[in-house]
Amino acid sequence: HDGAVSRGWRAIRAGYRKFRAVDEHLPGVIIYPIALVFLYVAATSSWADRLLTPRFDPSKFPVGAADFVAKAPPGGHMYAFDGFGGYLIYRLYPRVKVFADGRSDLYRQGTVLDDMGKLSTLKPSWAEVLDRHNVKWMVLRRHEPLALIAEMSGKWTDSYIDQTARVMIRKDALPGK
């Protein structure tokens, strides 16, 4: 048994010396084939899904709400909390378009930023803003003030809710209304 271990270590040491000899004459040449083999294995195995698929924290992003909407998007225009906008674009575009997202510099012209401010600070005109933009459904943070006041208004209902987000639909936009 000790002889086999000793022979194994000698073989490893001899291989390492050959590697070092090649590396001295052609610095870094060994790393390229190793990297190519790694990339090939990673891309053609189940590692690719684990390494390359983006993962979003469902406690920070509306993952469940996006799954819900992807299955059967409500009709009409949507308003979403701007912190969710980029994620919703990633998940649902082009079938669903967001009201706005975190790139506020794109919305400097026009009234989008002013309207978002009225909605996020619950100005008395919040319902008029939603009406003017013909918003039929919203993706909001679960405990966002707009979600709570919309629910209390009696004109909105939850069609999906989890720990992070809720999808609210205007009652007059529900099927059969």
Protein backbone atom coordinates (compact mmCIF):
# COMPACT_ATOMS: atom_id res chain seq x y z
CA HIS A 1 0.00 0.00 0.00
CA ASP A 2 2.77 2.47 0.92
CA GLY A 3 4.54 1.68 -2.34
CA ALA A 4 1.43 2.61 -4.36
CA VAL A 5 1.05 5.90 -2.50
CA SER A 6 4.72 6.65 -2.99
CA ARG A 7 4.49 5.88 -6.74
CA GLY A 8 1.38 8.09 -6.97
CA TRP A 9 3.14 11.05 -5.37
CA ARG A 10 6.17 10.55 -7.63
CA ALA A 11 3.89 10.56 -10.71
CA ILE A 12 2.16 13.73 -9.52
CA ARG A 13 5.52 15.40 -8.84
CA ALA A 14 6.86 14.36 -12.26
CA GLY A 15 3.73 15.71 -13.97
CA TYR A 16 4.07 18.97 -12.08
CA ARG A 17 7.74 19.29 -13.14
CA LYS A 18 6.78 18.76 -16.79
CA PHE A 19 4.05 21.37 -16.42
CA ARG A 20 6.54 23.86 -14.92
CA ALA A 21 9.05 23.17 -17.70
CA VAL A 22 6.47 23.92 -20.38
CA ASP A 23 5.24 26.97 -18.47
CA GLU A 24 8.80 28.36 -18.23
CA HIS A 25 9.20 28.27 -22.01
CA LEU A 26 5.65 29.37 -22.88
CA PRO A 27 4.24 31.34 -19.93
CA GLY A 28 0.52 30.84 -19.43
CA VAL A 29 0.11 28.35 -22.29
CA ILE A 30 -1.36 25.67 -20.03
CA ILE A 31 -4.09 27.89 -18.63
CA TYR A 32 -5.83 28.35 -22.01
CA PRO A 33 -6.63 24.67 -22.65
CA ILE A 34 -7.71 24.29 -19.03
CA ALA A 35 -10.00 27.32 -19.34
CA LEU A 36 -11.45 26.04 -22.64
CA VAL A 37 -12.17 22.62 -21.12
CA PHE A 38 -13.82 24.28 -18.12
CA LEU A 39 -15.97 26.52 -20.32
CA TYR A 40 -17.00 23.59 -22.52
CA VAL A 41 -17.97 21.46 -19.51
CA ALA A 42 -19.79 24.38 -17.87
CA ALA A 43 -21.72 25.25 -21.03
CA THR A 44 -22.75 21.68 -21.92
CA SER A 45 -23.68 20.43 -18.47
CA SER A 46 -26.26 21.31 -15.86
CA TRP A 47 -23.71 23.77 -14.49
CA ALA A 48 -24.71 26.20 -17.24
CA ASP A 49 -28.19 26.62 -15.77
CA ARG A 50 -26.82 27.16 -12.29
CA LEU A 51 -23.96 29.46 -13.34
CA LEU A 52 -25.55 31.49 -16.12
CA THR A 53 -29.20 31.82 -15.13
CA PRO A 54 -29.81 35.05 -13.25
CA ARG A 55 -31.32 34.62 -9.82
CA PHE A 56 -33.39 37.35 -8.22
CA ASP A 57 -34.13 37.51 -4.53
CA PRO A 58 -37.90 37.08 -4.16
CA SER A 59 -37.82 39.17 -0.99
CA LYS A 60 -36.62 42.17 -3.05
CA PHE A 61 -38.11 41.59 -6.49
CA PRO A 62 -41.68 40.68 -7.51
CA VAL A 63 -40.70 37.20 -8.70
CA GLY A 64 -44.01 35.57 -7.75
CA ALA A 65 -46.06 38.45 -9.11
CA ALA A 66 -44.17 38.31 -12.42
CA ASP A 67 -44.78 34.55 -12.61
CA PHE A 68 -48.49 35.20 -12.00
CA VAL A 69 -48.69 37.94 -14.64
CA ALA A 70 -46.68 35.91 -17.17
CA LYS A 71 -49.29 33.13 -17.06
CA ALA A 72 -52.23 35.43 -17.79
CA PRO A 73 -51.46 39.14 -18.07
CA PRO A 74 -54.38 41.34 -17.04
CA GLY A 75 -55.58 43.55 -19.86
CA GLY A 76 -54.99 47.27 -20.10
CA HIS A 77 -52.27 49.56 -18.89
CA MET A 78 -50.16 48.73 -15.87
CA TYR A 79 -48.62 50.90 -13.18
CA ALA A 80 -45.80 49.47 -11.09
CA PHE A 81 -43.61 50.68 -8.28
CA ASP A 82 -40.60 52.10 -10.16
CA GLY A 83 -38.19 49.91 -8.18
CA PHE A 84 -39.90 46.91 -9.80
CA GLY A 85 -39.91 48.39 -13.31
CA GLY A 86 -36.56 47.10 -14.53
CA TYR A 87 -37.24 43.60 -13.25
CA LEU A 88 -40.72 43.59 -14.84
CA ILE A 89 -39.22 44.72 -18.15
CA TYR A 90 -36.71 41.86 -17.93
CA ARG A 91 -39.42 39.30 -17.18
CA LEU A 92 -42.45 40.49 -19.15
CA TYR A 93 -41.40 42.69 -22.07
CA PRO A 94 -42.69 42.95 -24.80
CA ARG A 95 -46.05 41.46 -23.73
CA VAL A 96 -46.32 43.89 -20.83
CA LYS A 97 -44.99 47.44 -20.79
CA VAL A 98 -44.24 49.28 -17.56
CA PHE A 99 -45.36 52.78 -16.65
CA ALA A 100 -41.80 53.70 -15.62
CA ASP A 101 -38.70 52.14 -14.16
CA GLY A 102 -35.63 53.24 -12.22
CA ARG A 103 -34.12 55.11 -15.19
CA SER A 104 -35.69 58.41 -14.20
CA ASP A 105 -33.39 60.37 -16.52
CA LEU A 106 -35.43 58.98 -19.44
CA TYR A 107 -38.63 60.50 -18.06
CA ARG A 108 -37.49 64.11 -17.56
CA GLN A 109 -39.67 65.39 -20.40
CA GLY A 110 -43.39 65.12 -19.93
CA THR A 111 -45.38 64.46 -16.79
CA VAL A 112 -44.33 60.89 -15.95
CA LEU A 113 -42.08 61.87 -13.02
CA ASP A 114 -44.66 64.31 -11.67
CA ASP A 115 -47.36 61.66 -11.93
CA MET A 116 -45.16 59.08 -10.22
CA GLY A 117 -44.54 61.57 -7.43
CA LYS A 118 -48.28 62.09 -6.97
CA LEU A 119 -48.80 58.33 -6.77
CA SER A 120 -45.88 57.58 -4.45
CA THR A 121 -46.74 60.42 -2.06
CA LEU A 122 -50.49 59.84 -2.31
CA LYS A 123 -51.41 63.33 -3.38
CA PRO A 124 -55.19 63.86 -3.43
CA SER A 125 -55.08 63.45 -7.22
CA TRP A 126 -53.66 59.89 -7.12
CA ALA A 127 -56.88 58.32 -8.51
CA GLU A 128 -57.11 60.96 -11.26
CA VAL A 129 -53.54 60.12 -12.34
CA LEU A 130 -54.43 56.43 -12.68
CA ASP A 131 -57.61 57.34 -14.56
CA ARG A 132 -55.80 59.73 -16.92
CA HIS A 133 -53.29 56.99 -17.83
CA ASN A 134 -56.09 54.41 -18.10
CA VAL A 135 -54.33 52.14 -15.58
CA LYS A 136 -56.27 48.90 -15.17
CA TRP A 137 -53.83 47.00 -12.94
CA MET A 138 -50.82 47.60 -10.72
CA VAL A 139 -47.81 45.69 -9.39
CA LEU A 140 -46.91 47.25 -6.06
CA ARG A 141 -44.90 46.49 -2.95
CA ARG A 142 -47.11 44.53 -0.59
CA HIS A 143 -47.40 47.27 2.05
CA GLU A 144 -46.93 50.26 -0.24
CA PRO A 145 -49.19 53.16 0.77
CA LEU A 146 -50.71 53.31 -2.73
CA ALA A 147 -51.72 49.64 -2.43
CA LEU A 148 -53.34 50.23 0.93
CA ILE A 149 -55.25 53.35 -0.12
CA ALA A 150 -56.34 51.74 -3.41
CA GLU A 151 -57.68 48.78 -1.47
CA MET A 152 -59.50 51.08 0.97
CA SER A 153 -61.04 53.00 -1.93
CA GLY A 154 -63.07 49.91 -2.80
CA LYS A 155 -62.23 50.30 -6.49
CA TRP A 156 -59.29 47.88 -6.53
CA THR A 157 -58.87 44.25 -5.57
CA ASP A 158 -55.90 41.92 -5.17
CA SER A 159 -55.55 39.21 -7.77
CA TYR A 160 -52.18 38.10 -6.39
CA ILE A 161 -50.31 38.81 -3.16
CA ASP A 162 -47.17 37.44 -1.53
CA GLN A 163 -44.62 38.69 1.02
CA THR A 164 -43.04 41.13 -1.44
CA ALA A 165 -45.59 42.30 -3.97
CA ARG A 166 -49.21 42.37 -4.94
CA VAL A 167 -51.03 42.57 -8.25
CA MET A 168 -54.10 44.74 -7.98
CA ILE A 169 -56.82 45.01 -10.60
CA ARG A 170 -59.34 47.78 -10.96
CA LYS A 171 -62.71 46.21 -10.11
CA ASP A 172 -64.39 47.72 -13.17
CA ALA A 173 -61.72 46.02 -15.34
CA LEU A 174 -62.44 42.52 -14.01
CA PRO A 175 -63.84 40.04 -16.53
CA GLY A 176 -67.64 40.23 -16.57
CA LYS A 177 -67.77 43.89 -15.48
